[in-house]
Amino acid sequence: MRSVVLIHGLLRGMGREAPCEMLALKETSESGSDTYSRCSVIEAPPEMPDGLYTVAFGECAVAARKEAGLWLPNGTATNLKLEQGSRDAQSKERSEASEQTRPNHKDVA
């Protein structure tokens, strides 16, 4: 199912943080998971400088960009929980790999 939704998020970037509103296309799969795409900031403090930002909402985040005073759509939202799980798994894999390559030192009497 597809629908356009209004999202209240937290805009972060350029050394600043502020609440914002964003429109997005929400698609719900048969398994019940939601995907947000065509995300576009429609309301934010006007004093935010041009540059790259992240809009966080719920367990999701999406990149946003302000250029010449206008907010431009910049991608599809990612699930922060899934990303964190992926980073944790990668960290664990690196840790295990470094343990396997470490020399086995034994105390010599």
PDB file of N, CA and C in Angstrom:
ATOM      1  N   MET A   1       0.836  -1.181   0.000  1.00  0.00           N
ATOM      2  CA  MET A   1       0.000   0.000   0.000  1.00  0.00           C
ATOM      3  C   MET A   1       0.882   1.246   0.000  1.00  0.00           C
ATOM      4  N   ARG A   2       0.511   2.226  -0.774  1.00  0.00           N
ATOM      5  CA  ARG A   2       1.261   3.482  -0.868  1.00  0.00           C
ATOM      6  C   ARG A   2       0.409   4.640  -0.357  1.00  0.00           C
ATOM      7  N   SER A   3       1.084   5.582   0.331  1.00  0.00           N
ATOM      8  CA  SER A   3       0.407   6.805   0.752  1.00  0.00           C
ATOM      9  C   SER A   3       1.440   7.889   0.986  1.00  0.00           C
ATOM     10  N   VAL A   4       1.029   9.135   0.809  1.00  0.00           N
ATOM     11  CA  VAL A   4       1.893  10.268   1.109  1.00  0.00           C
ATOM     12  C   VAL A   4       1.639  10.636   2.563  1.00  0.00           C
ATOM     13  N   VAL A   5       2.725  10.780   3.323  1.00  0.00           N
ATOM     14  CA  VAL A   5       2.603  11.056   4.751  1.00  0.00           C
ATOM     15  C   VAL A   5       3.400  12.299   5.131  1.00  0.00           C
ATOM     16  N   LEU A   6       2.931  12.960   6.185  1.00  0.00           N
ATOM     17  CA  LEU A   6       3.637  14.087   6.773  1.00  0.00           C
ATOM     18  C   LEU A   6       4.426  13.545   7.964  1.00  0.00           C
ATOM     19  N   ILE A   7       5.710  13.813   7.968  1.00  0.00           N
ATOM     20  CA  ILE A   7       6.599  13.298   9.016  1.00  0.00           C
ATOM     21  C   ILE A   7       7.171  14.464   9.804  1.00  0.00           C
ATOM     22  N   HIS A   8       7.110  14.356  11.116  1.00  0.00           N
ATOM     23  CA  HIS A   8       7.762  15.322  11.998  1.00  0.00           C
ATOM     24  C   HIS A   8       9.108  14.714  12.375  1.00  0.00           C
ATOM     25  N   GLY A   9      10.192  15.374  11.994  1.00  0.00           N
ATOM     26  CA  GLY A   9      11.518  14.815  12.219  1.00  0.00           C
ATOM     27  C   GLY A   9      12.455  15.812  12.868  1.00  0.00           C
ATOM     28  N   LEU A  10      13.670  15.350  13.079  1.00  0.00           N
ATOM     29  CA  LEU A  10      14.720  16.179  13.653  1.00  0.00           C
ATOM     30  C   LEU A  10      15.812  16.343  12.613  1.00  0.00           C
ATOM     31  N   LEU A  11      16.024  17.564  12.197  1.00  0.00           N
ATOM     32  CA  LEU A  11      16.994  17.922  11.170  1.00  0.00           C
ATOM     33  C   LEU A  11      18.342  18.150  11.835  1.00  0.00           C
ATOM     34  N   ARG A  12      19.396  17.467  11.366  1.00  0.00           N
ATOM     35  CA  ARG A  12      20.735  17.618  11.935  1.00  0.00           C
ATOM     36  C   ARG A  12      21.748  17.816  10.817  1.00  0.00           C
ATOM     37  N   GLY A  13      22.651  18.774  11.033  1.00  0.00           N
ATOM     38  CA  GLY A  13      23.719  19.005  10.073  1.00  0.00           C
ATOM     39  C   GLY A  13      24.220  20.425  10.155  1.00  0.00           C
ATOM     40  N   MET A  14      25.349  20.674   9.546  1.00  0.00           N
ATOM     41  CA  MET A  14      25.955  21.997   9.509  1.00  0.00           C
ATOM     42  C   MET A  14      26.099  22.582  10.920  1.00  0.00           C
ATOM     43  N   GLY A  15      26.334  21.682  11.893  1.00  0.00           N
ATOM     44  CA  GLY A  15      26.524  22.111  13.276  1.00  0.00           C
ATOM     45  C   GLY A  15      25.250  22.562  13.957  1.00  0.00           C
ATOM     46  N   ARG A  16      24.096  22.204  13.394  1.00  0.00           N
ATOM     47  CA  ARG A  16      22.816  22.636  13.948  1.00  0.00           C
ATOM     48  C   ARG A  16      21.857  21.462  14.070  1.00  0.00           C
ATOM     49  N   GLU A  17      20.803  21.685  14.855  1.00  0.00           N
ATOM     50  CA  GLU A  17      19.752  20.696  15.047  1.00  0.00           C
ATOM     51  C   GLU A  17      18.438  21.445  15.219  1.00  0.00           C
ATOM     52  N   ALA A  18      17.384  21.017  14.507  1.00  0.00           N
ATOM     53  CA  ALA A  18      16.102  21.704  14.588  1.00  0.00           C
ATOM     54  C   ALA A  18      14.979  20.759  14.166  1.00  0.00           C
ATOM     55  N   PRO A  19      13.769  20.979  14.699  1.00  0.00           N
ATOM     56  CA  PRO A  19      12.630  20.183  14.240  1.00  0.00           C
ATOM     57  C   PRO A  19      12.257  20.580  12.815  1.00  0.00           C
ATOM     58  N   CYS A  20      11.658  19.649  12.084  1.00  0.00           N
ATOM     59  CA  CYS A  20      11.230  19.937  10.717  1.00  0.00           C
ATOM     60  C   CYS A  20      10.033  19.072  10.362  1.00  0.00           C
ATOM     61  N   GLU A  21       9.430  19.393   9.228  1.00  0.00           N
ATOM     62  CA  GLU A  21       8.375  18.575   8.655  1.00  0.00           C
ATOM     63  C   GLU A  21       8.822  18.144   7.269  1.00  0.00           C
ATOM     64  N   MET A  22       8.449  16.922   6.916  1.00  0.00           N
ATOM     65  CA  MET A  22       8.882  16.350   5.653  1.00  0.00           C
ATOM     66  C   MET A  22       7.717  15.566   5.052  1.00  0.00           C
ATOM     67  N   LEU A  23       7.555  15.631   3.745  1.00  0.00           N
ATOM     68  CA  LEU A  23       6.606  14.778   3.037  1.00  0.00           C
ATOM     69  C   LEU A  23       7.358  13.583   2.492  1.00  0.00           C
ATOM     70  N   ALA A  24       6.725  12.414   2.528  1.00  0.00           N
ATOM     71  CA  ALA A  24       7.365  11.204   2.017  1.00  0.00           C
ATOM     72  C   ALA A  24       6.319  10.250   1.466  1.00  0.00           C
ATOM     73  N   LEU A  25       6.742   9.404   0.571  1.00  0.00           N
ATOM     74  CA  LEU A  25       5.902   8.331   0.058  1.00  0.00           C
ATOM     75  C   LEU A  25       6.159   7.111   0.941  1.00  0.00           C
ATOM     76  N   LYS A  26       5.128   6.669   1.629  1.00  0.00           N
ATOM     77  CA  LYS A  26       5.252   5.507   2.526  1.00  0.00           C
ATOM     78  C   LYS A  26       4.664   4.296   1.820  1.00  0.00           C
ATOM     79  N   GLU A  27       5.479   3.238   1.739  1.00  0.00           N
ATOM     80  CA  GLU A  27       5.025   1.991   1.134  1.00  0.00           C
ATOM     81  C   GLU A  27       5.113   0.890   2.182  1.00  0.00           C
ATOM     82  N   THR A  28       3.989   0.208   2.398  1.00  0.00           N
ATOM     83  CA  THR A  28       3.947  -0.884   3.368  1.00  0.00           C
ATOM     84  C   THR A  28       3.914  -2.200   2.603  1.00  0.00           C
ATOM     85  N   SER A  29       4.884  -3.069   2.919  1.00  0.00           N
ATOM     86  CA  SER A  29       4.953  -4.358   2.228  1.00  0.00           C
ATOM     87  C   SER A  29       3.944  -5.326   2.847  1.00  0.00           C
ATOM     88  N   GLU A  30       3.761  -6.469   2.205  1.00  0.00           N
ATOM     89  CA  GLU A  30       2.850  -7.491   2.721  1.00  0.00           C
ATOM     90  C   GLU A  30       3.291  -7.997   4.085  1.00  0.00           C
ATOM     91  N   SER A  31       4.607  -7.931   4.353  1.00  0.00           N
ATOM     92  CA  SER A  31       5.114  -8.392   5.652  1.00  0.00           C
ATOM     93  C   SER A  31       4.906  -7.341   6.744  1.00  0.00           C
ATOM     94  N   GLY A  32       4.446  -6.138   6.345  1.00  0.00           N
ATOM     95  CA  GLY A  32       4.170  -5.094   7.326  1.00  0.00           C
ATOM     96  C   GLY A  32       5.292  -4.093   7.517  1.00  0.00           C
ATOM     97  N   SER A  33       6.410  -4.248   6.809  1.00  0.00           N
ATOM     98  CA  SER A  33       7.515  -3.290   6.956  1.00  0.00           C
ATOM     99  C   SER A  33       7.253  -2.063   6.089  1.00  0.00           C
ATOM    100  N   ASP A  34       7.653  -0.908   6.601  1.00  0.00           N
ATOM    101  CA  ASP A  34       7.441   0.358   5.904  1.00  0.00           C
ATOM    102  C   ASP A  34       8.729   0.845   5.265  1.00  0.00           C
ATOM    103  N   THR A  35       8.591   1.408   4.056  1.00  0.00           N
ATOM    104  CA  THR A  35       9.689   2.057   3.360  1.00  0.00           C
ATOM    105  C   THR A  35       9.236   3.472   3.024  1.00  0.00           C
ATOM    106  N   TYR A  36      10.129   4.441   3.297  1.00  0.00           N
ATOM    107  CA  TYR A  36       9.835   5.840   2.999  1.00  0.00           C
ATOM    108  C   TYR A  36      10.764   6.293   1.871  1.00  0.00           C
ATOM    109  N   SER A  37      10.182   6.845   0.807  1.00  0.00           N
ATOM    110  CA  SER A  37      10.988   7.334  -0.314  1.00  0.00           C
ATOM    111  C   SER A  37      10.442   8.685  -0.766  1.00  0.00           C
ATOM    112  N   ARG A  38      11.164   9.316  -1.709  1.00  0.00           N
ATOM    113  CA  ARG A  38      10.796  10.634  -2.224  1.00  0.00           C
ATOM    114  C   ARG A  38      10.593  11.627  -1.078  1.00  0.00           C
ATOM    115  N   CYS A  39      11.468  11.531  -0.090  1.00  0.00           N
ATOM    116  CA  CYS A  39      11.389  12.375   1.102  1.00  0.00           C
ATOM    117  C   CYS A  39      11.819  13.801   0.764  1.00  0.00           C
ATOM    118  N   SER A  40      11.018  14.768   1.223  1.00  0.00           N
ATOM    119  CA  SER A  40      11.320  16.160   0.931  1.00  0.00           C
ATOM    120  C   SER A  40      10.948  17.047   2.117  1.00  0.00           C
ATOM    121  N   VAL A  41      11.909  17.810   2.625  1.00  0.00           N
ATOM    122  CA  VAL A  41      11.667  18.734   3.728  1.00  0.00           C
ATOM    123  C   VAL A  41      10.763  19.859   3.213  1.00  0.00           C
ATOM    124  N   ILE A  42       9.660  20.107   3.937  1.00  0.00           N
ATOM    125  CA  ILE A  42       8.743  21.179   3.514  1.00  0.00           C
ATOM    126  C   ILE A  42       8.682  22.313   4.529  1.00  0.00           C
ATOM    127  N   GLU A  43       9.154  22.084   5.752  1.00  0.00           N
ATOM    128  CA  GLU A  43       9.129  23.116   6.778  1.00  0.00           C
ATOM    129  C   GLU A  43      10.332  22.941   7.695  1.00  0.00           C
ATOM    130  N   ALA A  44      11.142  23.987   7.780  1.00  0.00           N
ATOM    131  CA  ALA A  44      12.320  23.991   8.642  1.00  0.00           C
ATOM    132  C   ALA A  44      12.663  25.440   8.949  1.00  0.00           C
ATOM    133  N   PRO A  45      13.400  25.673  10.026  1.00  0.00           N
ATOM    134  CA  PRO A  45      13.782  27.056  10.335  1.00  0.00           C
ATOM    135  C   PRO A  45      14.537  27.686   9.160  1.00  0.00           C
ATOM    136  N   PRO A  46      14.155  28.903   8.767  1.00  0.00           N
ATOM    137  CA  PRO A  46      14.778  29.534   7.599  1.00  0.00           C
ATOM    138  C   PRO A  46      16.256  29.871   7.799  1.00  0.00           C
ATOM    139  N   GLU A  47      16.706  29.951   9.035  1.00  0.00           N
ATOM    140  CA  GLU A  47      18.111  30.301   9.275  1.00  0.00           C
ATOM    141  C   GLU A  47      19.081  29.129   9.075  1.00  0.00           C
ATOM    142  N   MET A  48      18.555  27.941   8.764  1.00  0.00           N
ATOM    143  CA  MET A  48      19.436  26.795   8.515  1.00  0.00           C
ATOM    144  C   MET A  48      20.250  27.087   7.247  1.00  0.00           C
ATOM    145  N   PRO A  49      21.590  26.990   7.328  1.00  0.00           N
ATOM    146  CA  PRO A  49      22.415  27.295   6.159  1.00  0.00           C
ATOM    147  C   PRO A  49      22.345  26.206   5.087  1.00  0.00           C
ATOM    148  N   ASP A  50      22.721  26.557   3.872  1.00  0.00           N
ATOM    149  CA  ASP A  50      22.804  25.576   2.796  1.00  0.00           C
ATOM    150  C   ASP A  50      23.796  24.495   3.191  1.00  0.00           C
ATOM    151  N   GLY A  51      23.501  23.254   2.799  1.00  0.00           N
ATOM    152  CA  GLY A  51      24.418  22.155   3.078  1.00  0.00           C
ATOM    153  C   GLY A  51      23.692  20.833   3.195  1.00  0.00           C
ATOM    154  N   LEU A  52      24.435  19.818   3.659  1.00  0.00           N
ATOM    155  CA  LEU A  52      23.903  18.463   3.801  1.00  0.00           C
ATOM    156  C   LEU A  52      23.398  18.238   5.218  1.00  0.00           C
ATOM    157  N   TYR A  53      22.270  17.544   5.325  1.00  0.00           N
ATOM    158  CA  TYR A  53      21.621  17.286   6.597  1.00  0.00           C
ATOM    159  C   TYR A  53      21.132  15.839   6.654  1.00  0.00           C
ATOM    160  N   THR A  54      20.736  15.433   7.841  1.00  0.00           N
ATOM    161  CA  THR A  54      20.045  14.176   8.055  1.00  0.00           C
ATOM    162  C   THR A  54      18.757  14.490   8.790  1.00  0.00           C
ATOM    163  N   VAL A  55      17.665  13.878   8.362  1.00  0.00           N
ATOM    164  CA  VAL A  55      16.399  14.011   9.072  1.00  0.00           C
ATOM    165  C   VAL A  55      16.126  12.662   9.730  1.00  0.00           C
ATOM    166  N   ALA A  56      16.030  12.674  11.072  1.00  0.00           N
ATOM    167  CA  ALA A  56      15.748  11.453  11.826  1.00  0.00           C
ATOM    168  C   ALA A  56      14.299  11.478  12.277  1.00  0.00           C
ATOM    169  N   PHE A  57      13.645  10.323  12.168  1.00  0.00           N
ATOM    170  CA  PHE A  57      12.265  10.177  12.639  1.00  0.00           C
ATOM    171  C   PHE A  57      12.038   8.708  12.970  1.00  0.00           C
ATOM    172  N   GLY A  58      11.456   8.459  14.135  1.00  0.00           N
ATOM    173  CA  GLY A  58      11.274   7.072  14.561  1.00  0.00           C
ATOM    174  C   GLY A  58      12.616   6.372  14.576  1.00  0.00           C
ATOM    175  N   GLU A  59      12.685   5.218  13.925  1.00  0.00           N
ATOM    176  CA  GLU A  59      13.947   4.478  13.818  1.00  0.00           C
ATOM    177  C   GLU A  59      14.567   4.652  12.438  1.00  0.00           C
ATOM    178  N   CYS A  60      14.162   5.711  11.730  1.00  0.00           N
ATOM    179  CA  CYS A  60      14.636   5.935  10.370  1.00  0.00           C
ATOM    180  C   CYS A  60      15.392   7.251  10.248  1.00  0.00           C
ATOM    181  N   ALA A  61      16.143   7.361   9.176  1.00  0.00           N
ATOM    182  CA  ALA A  61      16.844   8.607   8.850  1.00  0.00           C
ATOM    183  C   ALA A  61      16.938   8.710   7.336  1.00  0.00           C
ATOM    184  N   VAL A  62      16.952   9.954   6.862  1.00  0.00           N
ATOM    185  CA  VAL A  62      17.080  10.193   5.430  1.00  0.00           C
ATOM    186  C   VAL A  62      17.985  11.411   5.225  1.00  0.00           C
ATOM    187  N   ALA A  63      18.745  11.386   4.158  1.00  0.00           N
ATOM    188  CA  ALA A  63      19.606  12.523   3.829  1.00  0.00           C
ATOM    189  C   ALA A  63      18.751  13.638   3.238  1.00  0.00           C
ATOM    190  N   ALA A  64      19.126  14.875   3.539  1.00  0.00           N
ATOM    191  CA  ALA A  64      18.448  16.042   2.985  1.00  0.00           C
ATOM    192  C   ALA A  64      19.516  17.058   2.593  1.00  0.00           C
ATOM    193  N   ARG A  65      19.155  17.936   1.677  1.00  0.00           N
ATOM    194  CA  ARG A  65      20.116  18.933   1.211  1.00  0.00           C
ATOM    195  C   ARG A  65      19.408  20.261   1.008  1.00  0.00           C
ATOM    196  N   LYS A  66      20.042  21.321   1.474  1.00  0.00           N
ATOM    197  CA  LYS A  66      19.520  22.669   1.245  1.00  0.00           C
ATOM    198  C   LYS A  66      20.496  23.380   0.322  1.00  0.00           C
ATOM    199  N   GLU A  67      19.960  23.907  -0.777  1.00  0.00           N
ATOM    200  CA  GLU A  67      20.795  24.554  -1.782  1.00  0.00           C
ATOM    201  C   GLU A  67      20.109  25.840  -2.237  1.00  0.00           C
ATOM    202  N   ALA A  68      20.829  26.950  -2.177  1.00  0.00           N
ATOM    203  CA  ALA A  68      20.283  28.262  -2.564  1.00  0.00           C
ATOM    204  C   ALA A  68      18.982  28.556  -1.821  1.00  0.00           C
ATOM    205  N   GLY A  69      18.919  28.108  -0.549  1.00  0.00           N
ATOM    206  CA  GLY A  69      17.751  28.365   0.286  1.00  0.00           C
ATOM    207  C   GLY A  69      16.589  27.421   0.075  1.00  0.00           C
ATOM    208  N   LEU A  70      16.730  26.450  -0.847  1.00  0.00           N
ATOM    209  CA  LEU A  70      15.655  25.502  -1.142  1.00  0.00           C
ATOM    210  C   LEU A  70      16.025  24.104  -0.674  1.00  0.00           C
ATOM    211  N   TRP A  71      15.047  23.396  -0.101  1.00  0.00           N
ATOM    212  CA  TRP A  71      15.261  22.012   0.321  1.00  0.00           C
ATOM    213  C   TRP A  71      15.040  21.096  -0.870  1.00  0.00           C
ATOM    214  N   LEU A  72      16.011  20.237  -1.135  1.00  0.00           N
ATOM    215  CA  LEU A  72      15.943  19.317  -2.263  1.00  0.00           C
ATOM    216  C   LEU A  72      15.818  17.881  -1.748  1.00  0.00           C
ATOM    217  N   PRO A  73      14.992  17.065  -2.417  1.00  0.00           N
ATOM    218  CA  PRO A  73      14.900  15.665  -1.999  1.00  0.00           C
ATOM    219  C   PRO A  73      16.247  14.986  -2.212  1.00  0.00           C
ATOM    220  N   ASN A  74      16.575  14.103  -1.293  1.00  0.00           N
ATOM    221  CA  ASN A  74      17.918  13.516  -1.368  1.00  0.00           C
ATOM    222  C   ASN A  74      17.944  12.039  -1.010  1.00  0.00           C
ATOM    223  N   GLY A  75      16.869  11.287  -1.260  1.00  0.00           N
ATOM    224  CA  GLY A  75      16.997   9.862  -1.047  1.00  0.00           C
ATOM    225  C   GLY A  75      15.849   9.166  -0.353  1.00  0.00           C
ATOM    226  N   THR A  76      16.124   7.912  -0.033  1.00  0.00           N
ATOM    227  CA  THR A  76      15.180   7.024   0.632  1.00  0.00           C
ATOM    228  C   THR A  76      15.621   6.838   2.068  1.00  0.00           C
ATOM    229  N   ALA A  77      14.670   6.779   2.973  1.00  0.00           N
ATOM    230  CA  ALA A  77      14.982   6.611   4.394  1.00  0.00           C
ATOM    231  C   ALA A  77      15.584   5.241   4.650  1.00  0.00           C
ATOM    232  N   THR A  78      16.497   5.193   5.607  1.00  0.00           N
ATOM    233  CA  THR A  78      17.077   3.926   6.045  1.00  0.00           C
ATOM    234  C   THR A  78      16.670   3.681   7.477  1.00  0.00           C
ATOM    235  N   ASN A  79      16.569   2.408   7.831  1.00  0.00           N
ATOM    236  CA  ASN A  79      16.197   2.031   9.186  1.00  0.00           C
ATOM    237  C   ASN A  79      17.441   2.041  10.052  1.00  0.00           C
ATOM    238  N   LEU A  80      17.492   2.918  11.049  1.00  0.00           N
ATOM    239  CA  LEU A  80      18.671   3.044  11.904  1.00  0.00           C
ATOM    240  C   LEU A  80      18.929   1.783  12.702  1.00  0.00           C
ATOM    241  N   LYS A  81      17.869   1.097  13.110  1.00  0.00           N
ATOM    242  CA  LYS A  81      18.024  -0.133  13.880  1.00  0.00           C
ATOM    243  C   LYS A  81      18.726  -1.191  13.033  1.00  0.00           C
ATOM    244  N   LEU A  82      18.307  -1.312  11.761  1.00  0.00           N
ATOM    245  CA  LEU A  82      18.943  -2.280  10.862  1.00  0.00           C
ATOM    246  C   LEU A  82      20.390  -1.899  10.597  1.00  0.00           C
ATOM    247  N   GLU A  83      20.643  -0.595  10.387  1.00  0.00           N
ATOM    248  CA  GLU A  83      22.014  -0.142  10.148  1.00  0.00           C
ATOM    249  C   GLU A  83      22.900  -0.425  11.359  1.00  0.00           C
ATOM    250  N   GLN A  84      22.377  -0.172  12.563  1.00  0.00           N
ATOM    251  CA  GLN A  84      23.156  -0.419  13.773  1.00  0.00           C
ATOM    252  C   GLN A  84      23.466  -1.906  13.891  1.00  0.00           C
ATOM    253  N   GLY A  85      22.469  -2.753  13.597  1.00  0.00           N
ATOM    254  CA  GLY A  85      22.694  -4.198  13.645  1.00  0.00           C
ATOM    255  C   GLY A  85      23.754  -4.621  12.650  1.00  0.00           C
ATOM    256  N   SER A  86      23.735  -4.019  11.456  1.00  0.00           N
ATOM    257  CA  SER A  86      24.728  -4.321  10.434  1.00  0.00           C
ATOM    258  C   SER A  86      26.119  -3.882  10.893  1.00  0.00           C
ATOM    259  N   ARG A  87      26.212  -2.679  11.504  1.00  0.00           N
ATOM    260  CA  ARG A  87      27.506  -2.197  11.992  1.00  0.00           C
ATOM    261  C   ARG A  87      28.018  -3.081  13.123  1.00  0.00           C
ATOM    262  N   ASP A  88      27.111  -3.513  14.018  1.00  0.00           N
ATOM    263  CA  ASP A  88      27.512  -4.387  15.119  1.00  0.00           C
ATOM    264  C   ASP A  88      28.047  -5.710  14.573  1.00  0.00           C
ATOM    265  N   ALA A  89      27.367  -6.264  13.552  1.00  0.00           N
ATOM    266  CA  ALA A  89      27.811  -7.523  12.960  1.00  0.00           C
ATOM    267  C   ALA A  89      29.171  -7.360  12.292  1.00  0.00           C
ATOM    268  N   GLN A  90      29.369  -6.248  11.573  1.00  0.00           N
ATOM    269  CA  GLN A  90      30.658  -6.008  10.910  1.00  0.00           C
ATOM    270  C   GLN A  90      31.762  -5.852  11.946  1.00  0.00           C
ATOM    271  N   SER A  91      31.476  -5.159  13.042  1.00  0.00           N
ATOM    272  CA  SER A  91      32.460  -4.971  14.104  1.00  0.00           C
ATOM    273  C   SER A  91      32.833  -6.313  14.721  1.00  0.00           C
ATOM    274  N   LYS A  92      31.830  -7.166  14.943  1.00  0.00           N
ATOM    275  CA  LYS A  92      32.074  -8.490  15.522  1.00  0.00           C
ATOM    276  C   LYS A  92      32.933  -9.327  14.573  1.00  0.00           C
ATOM    277  N   GLU A  93      32.628  -9.261  13.266  1.00  0.00           N
ATOM    278  CA  GLU A  93      33.409 -10.010  12.284  1.00  0.00           C
ATOM    279  C   GLU A  93      34.866  -9.551  12.280  1.00  0.00           C
ATOM    280  N   ARG A  94      35.104  -8.228  12.341  1.00  0.00           N
ATOM    281  CA  ARG A  94      36.475  -7.710  12.361  1.00  0.00           C
ATOM    282  C   ARG A  94      37.192  -8.164  13.624  1.00  0.00           C
ATOM    283  N   SER A  95      36.488  -8.148  14.746  1.00  0.00           N
ATOM    284  CA  SER A  95      37.082  -8.551  16.018  1.00  0.00           C
ATOM    285  C   SER A  95      37.475 -10.031  15.968  1.00  0.00           C
ATOM    286  N   GLU A  96      36.559 -10.856  15.439  1.00  0.00           N
ATOM    287  CA  GLU A  96      36.852 -12.288  15.342  1.00  0.00           C
ATOM    288  C   GLU A  96      38.012 -12.543  14.384  1.00  0.00           C
ATOM    289  N   ALA A  97      38.065 -11.815  13.279  1.00  0.00           N
ATOM    290  CA  ALA A  97      39.145 -11.991  12.299  1.00  0.00           C
ATOM    291  C   ALA A  97      40.481 -11.595  12.909  1.00  0.00           C
ATOM    292  N   SER A  98      40.513 -10.514  13.698  1.00  0.00           N
ATOM    293  CA  SER A  98      41.781 -10.093  14.288  1.00  0.00           C
ATOM    294  C   SER A  98      42.231 -11.076  15.366  1.00  0.00           C
ATOM    295  N   GLU A  99      41.279 -11.695  16.061  1.00  0.00           N
ATOM    296  CA  GLU A  99      41.649 -12.698  17.064  1.00  0.00           C
ATOM    297  C   GLU A  99      42.267 -13.923  16.394  1.00  0.00           C
ATOM    298  N   GLN A 100      41.763 -14.290  15.220  1.00  0.00           N
ATOM    299  CA  GLN A 100      42.281 -15.460  14.512  1.00  0.00           C
ATOM    300  C   GLN A 100      43.677 -15.207  13.957  1.00  0.00           C
ATOM    301  N   THR A 101      44.000 -13.976  13.632  1.00  0.00           N
ATOM    302  CA  THR A 101      45.298 -13.685  13.044  1.00  0.00           C
ATOM    303  C   THR A 101      46.344 -13.304  14.094  1.00  0.00           C
ATOM    304  N   ARG A 102      45.915 -13.133  15.345  1.00  0.00           N
ATOM    305  CA  ARG A 102      46.857 -12.780  16.400  1.00  0.00           C
ATOM    306  C   ARG A 102      47.752 -13.964  16.733  1.00  0.00           C
ATOM    307  N   PRO A 103      49.046 -13.760  16.916  1.00  0.00           N
ATOM    308  CA  PRO A 103      49.918 -14.871  17.294  1.00  0.00           C
ATOM    309  C   PRO A 103      49.559 -15.357  18.693  1.00  0.00           C
ATOM    310  N   ASN A 104      49.732 -16.641  18.866  1.00  0.00           N
ATOM    311  CA  ASN A 104      49.432 -17.248  20.159  1.00  0.00           C
ATOM    312  C   ASN A 104      50.710 -17.239  20.996  1.00  0.00           C
ATOM    313  N   HIS A 105      50.799 -16.333  21.960  1.00  0.00           N
ATOM    314  CA  HIS A 105      51.987 -16.224  22.811  1.00  0.00           C
ATOM    315  C   HIS A 105      51.801 -17.085  24.053  1.00  0.00           C
ATOM    316  N   LYS A 106      52.789 -17.913  24.323  1.00  0.00           N
ATOM    317  CA  LYS A 106      52.761 -18.749  25.529  1.00  0.00           C
ATOM    318  C   LYS A 106      53.858 -18.297  26.447  1.00  0.00           C
ATOM    319  N   ASP A 107      53.594 -18.394  27.726  1.00  0.00           N
ATOM    320  CA  ASP A 107      54.614 -18.037  28.696  1.00  0.00           C
ATOM    321  C   ASP A 107      55.729 -19.085  28.629  1.00  0.00           C
ATOM    322  N   VAL A 108      56.957 -18.596  28.518  1.00  0.00           N
ATOM    323  CA  VAL A 108      58.110 -19.509  28.459  1.00  0.00           C
ATOM    324  C   VAL A 108      58.847 -19.385  29.785  1.00  0.00           C
ATOM    325  N   ALA A 109      59.074 -20.532  30.432  1.00  0.00           N
ATOM    326  CA  ALA A 109      59.716 -20.511  31.746  1.00  0.00           C
ATOM    327  C   ALA A 109      61.204 -20.608  31.628  1.00  0.00           C
TER     328      ALA A 109
END
